[in-house]
Amino acid sequence: MQTISLKLPAELYARLAMEAKSRRVTKSQVMRESLETALDANASGRQPSCFDLSSDLAGSISGLPKDLATNPKYMDDFGGELSGFSPIEAPGAPLSQYVIEGR
């Protein structure tokens, strides 16, 4: 890999350091990913996709079954009654938004 030197304003450096610490990666890795995302979006003339913006979150939830994405038993009752949830009723809000009761 090539090495470059970069001067950052203190506020931007602090944001970079916080992002790296929260993701438990190096500042260099955050910079490489950010630069790659920005250059890819610029080259294609498009805005970053939802996946582009959230790819670092993939696999970040612990304690889930290893076969969650492939085992059909986890789809049992999918789309059924949402126990413990109630629809939000607000003017103009779709009833497909839910909140957990008692929290």
C-alpha atoms as a PDB file:
ATOM      1  CA  MET A   1       0.000   0.000   0.000  1.00  0.00           C
ATOM      2  CA  GLN A   2       1.062   3.547  -0.669  1.00  0.00           C
ATOM      3  CA  THR A   3       1.366   6.017   2.203  1.00  0.00           C
ATOM      4  CA  ILE A   4       0.082   9.591   2.100  1.00  0.00           C
ATOM      5  CA  SER A   5       0.034  12.445   4.576  1.00  0.00           C
ATOM      6  CA  LEU A   6      -3.202  14.296   5.249  1.00  0.00           C
ATOM      7  CA  LYS A   7      -3.925  17.410   7.292  1.00  0.00           C
ATOM      8  CA  LEU A   8      -7.361  17.540   8.930  1.00  0.00           C
ATOM      9  CA  PRO A   9      -9.139  20.201  10.962  1.00  0.00           C
ATOM     10  CA  ALA A  10      -9.314  19.242  14.650  1.00  0.00           C
ATOM     11  CA  GLU A  11     -13.092  18.665  14.524  1.00  0.00           C
ATOM     12  CA  LEU A  12     -12.865  16.332  11.519  1.00  0.00           C
ATOM     13  CA  TYR A  13      -9.969  14.438  13.116  1.00  0.00           C
ATOM     14  CA  ALA A  14     -12.013  14.001  16.308  1.00  0.00           C
ATOM     15  CA  ARG A  15     -14.943  12.631  14.288  1.00  0.00           C
ATOM     16  CA  LEU A  16     -12.592  10.245  12.476  1.00  0.00           C
ATOM     17  CA  ALA A  17     -11.079   9.044  15.753  1.00  0.00           C
ATOM     18  CA  MET A  18     -14.517   8.519  17.319  1.00  0.00           C
ATOM     19  CA  GLU A  19     -15.763   6.573  14.279  1.00  0.00           C
ATOM     20  CA  ALA A  20     -12.680   4.343  14.269  1.00  0.00           C
ATOM     21  CA  LYS A  21     -12.940   3.718  18.004  1.00  0.00           C
ATOM     22  CA  SER A  22     -16.661   2.917  17.871  1.00  0.00           C
ATOM     23  CA  ARG A  23     -16.105   0.425  15.042  1.00  0.00           C
ATOM     24  CA  ARG A  24     -12.878  -0.916  16.582  1.00  0.00           C
ATOM     25  CA  VAL A  25     -10.875  -0.350  13.424  1.00  0.00           C
ATOM     26  CA  THR A  26      -7.947   1.900  12.559  1.00  0.00           C
ATOM     27  CA  LYS A  27      -8.391   5.485  11.443  1.00  0.00           C
ATOM     28  CA  SER A  28      -6.665   4.458   8.214  1.00  0.00           C
ATOM     29  CA  GLN A  29      -9.349   1.864   7.516  1.00  0.00           C
ATOM     30  CA  VAL A  30     -12.139   4.405   8.070  1.00  0.00           C
ATOM     31  CA  MET A  31     -10.352   6.837   5.742  1.00  0.00           C
ATOM     32  CA  ARG A  32      -9.860   4.180   3.030  1.00  0.00           C
ATOM     33  CA  GLU A  33     -13.528   3.121   3.194  1.00  0.00           C
ATOM     34  CA  SER A  34     -14.774   6.713   3.175  1.00  0.00           C
ATOM     35  CA  LEU A  35     -12.543   7.701   0.281  1.00  0.00           C
ATOM     36  CA  GLU A  36     -13.491   4.613  -1.712  1.00  0.00           C
ATOM     37  CA  THR A  37     -17.209   5.229  -1.136  1.00  0.00           C
ATOM     38  CA  ALA A  38     -16.916   8.889  -2.145  1.00  0.00           C
ATOM     39  CA  LEU A  39     -14.880   8.126  -5.270  1.00  0.00           C
ATOM     40  CA  ASP A  40     -17.175   5.275  -6.336  1.00  0.00           C
ATOM     41  CA  ALA A  41     -20.254   7.472  -5.931  1.00  0.00           C
ATOM     42  CA  ASN A  42     -18.591  10.292  -7.848  1.00  0.00           C
ATOM     43  CA  ALA A  43     -17.457   8.012 -10.676  1.00  0.00           C
ATOM     44  CA  SER A  44     -20.891   6.496 -11.172  1.00  0.00           C
ATOM     45  CA  GLY A  45     -22.709   9.810 -10.787  1.00  0.00           C
ATOM     46  CA  ARG A  46     -24.980   8.332  -8.138  1.00  0.00           C
ATOM     47  CA  GLN A  47     -25.589   8.818  -4.459  1.00  0.00           C
ATOM     48  CA  PRO A  48     -24.309   6.061  -2.142  1.00  0.00           C
ATOM     49  CA  SER A  49     -26.841   3.255  -1.677  1.00  0.00           C
ATOM     50  CA  CYS A  50     -28.310   2.233   1.649  1.00  0.00           C
ATOM     51  CA  PHE A  51     -25.923  -0.732   1.616  1.00  0.00           C
ATOM     52  CA  ASP A  52     -22.953   1.567   0.908  1.00  0.00           C
ATOM     53  CA  LEU A  53     -23.855   3.663   3.918  1.00  0.00           C
ATOM     54  CA  SER A  54     -24.589   0.776   6.282  1.00  0.00           C
ATOM     55  CA  SER A  55     -22.270  -2.019   5.124  1.00  0.00           C
ATOM     56  CA  ASP A  56     -20.161  -1.646   8.276  1.00  0.00           C
ATOM     57  CA  LEU A  57     -23.218  -2.728  10.294  1.00  0.00           C
ATOM     58  CA  ALA A  58     -23.616  -6.085   8.535  1.00  0.00           C
ATOM     59  CA  GLY A  59     -23.041  -8.822  11.077  1.00  0.00           C
ATOM     60  CA  SER A  60     -22.762  -6.394  13.971  1.00  0.00           C
ATOM     61  CA  ILE A  61     -25.623  -7.863  16.039  1.00  0.00           C
ATOM     62  CA  SER A  62     -24.471 -10.684  18.295  1.00  0.00           C
ATOM     63  CA  GLY A  63     -26.500 -13.490  19.800  1.00  0.00           C
ATOM     64  CA  LEU A  64     -28.602 -14.276  16.727  1.00  0.00           C
ATOM     65  CA  PRO A  65     -28.881 -17.815  15.314  1.00  0.00           C
ATOM     66  CA  LYS A  66     -26.169 -18.613  12.750  1.00  0.00           C
ATOM     67  CA  ASP A  67     -28.786 -19.832  10.244  1.00  0.00           C
ATOM     68  CA  LEU A  68     -31.202 -16.903  10.648  1.00  0.00           C
ATOM     69  CA  ALA A  69     -31.062 -15.965   6.955  1.00  0.00           C
ATOM     70  CA  THR A  70     -31.454 -19.511   5.622  1.00  0.00           C
ATOM     71  CA  ASN A  71     -33.629 -21.519   8.008  1.00  0.00           C
ATOM     72  CA  PRO A  72     -37.335 -21.333   7.077  1.00  0.00           C
ATOM     73  CA  LYS A  73     -38.468 -21.991  10.663  1.00  0.00           C
ATOM     74  CA  TYR A  74     -37.667 -18.355  11.479  1.00  0.00           C
ATOM     75  CA  MET A  75     -40.286 -17.301   8.933  1.00  0.00           C
ATOM     76  CA  ASP A  76     -43.103 -19.085  10.816  1.00  0.00           C
ATOM     77  CA  ASP A  77     -45.726 -16.498  11.731  1.00  0.00           C
ATOM     78  CA  PHE A  78     -44.014 -13.885   9.553  1.00  0.00           C
ATOM     79  CA  GLY A  79     -46.577 -11.227   8.728  1.00  0.00           C
ATOM     80  CA  GLY A  80     -48.843 -12.484  11.480  1.00  0.00           C
ATOM     81  CA  GLU A  81     -50.059 -10.654  14.554  1.00  0.00           C
ATOM     82  CA  LEU A  82     -47.275  -8.635  16.188  1.00  0.00           C
ATOM     83  CA  SER A  83     -47.650  -9.475  19.873  1.00  0.00           C
ATOM     84  CA  GLY A  84     -46.349  -6.719  22.096  1.00  0.00           C
ATOM     85  CA  PHE A  85     -46.623  -4.103  19.337  1.00  0.00           C
ATOM     86  CA  SER A  86     -49.340  -1.595  18.567  1.00  0.00           C
ATOM     87  CA  PRO A  87     -49.775   0.632  15.521  1.00  0.00           C
ATOM     88  CA  ILE A  88     -48.958   4.325  15.764  1.00  0.00           C
ATOM     89  CA  GLU A  89     -52.004   6.339  14.851  1.00  0.00           C
ATOM     90  CA  ALA A  90     -50.979   9.810  13.763  1.00  0.00           C
ATOM     91  CA  PRO A  91     -52.456  12.013  11.047  1.00  0.00           C
ATOM     92  CA  GLY A  92     -50.896  10.980   7.759  1.00  0.00           C
ATOM     93  CA  ALA A  93     -48.787   8.226   9.311  1.00  0.00           C
ATOM     94  CA  PRO A  94     -49.182   4.743   7.818  1.00  0.00           C
ATOM     95  CA  LEU A  95     -50.371   2.039  10.179  1.00  0.00           C
ATOM     96  CA  SER A  96     -47.340  -0.028   9.227  1.00  0.00           C
ATOM     97  CA  GLN A  97     -45.227   1.826  11.793  1.00  0.00           C
ATOM     98  CA  TYR A  98     -45.089   0.050  15.152  1.00  0.00           C
ATOM     99  CA  VAL A  99     -43.851   0.768  18.651  1.00  0.00           C
ATOM    100  CA  ILE A 100     -43.144  -1.603  21.513  1.00  0.00           C
ATOM    101  CA  GLU A 101     -45.716  -1.311  24.275  1.00  0.00           C
ATOM    102  CA  GLY A 102     -44.451  -0.616  27.771  1.00  0.00           C
ATOM    103  CA  ARG A 103     -41.107   0.876  26.735  1.00  0.00           C
END
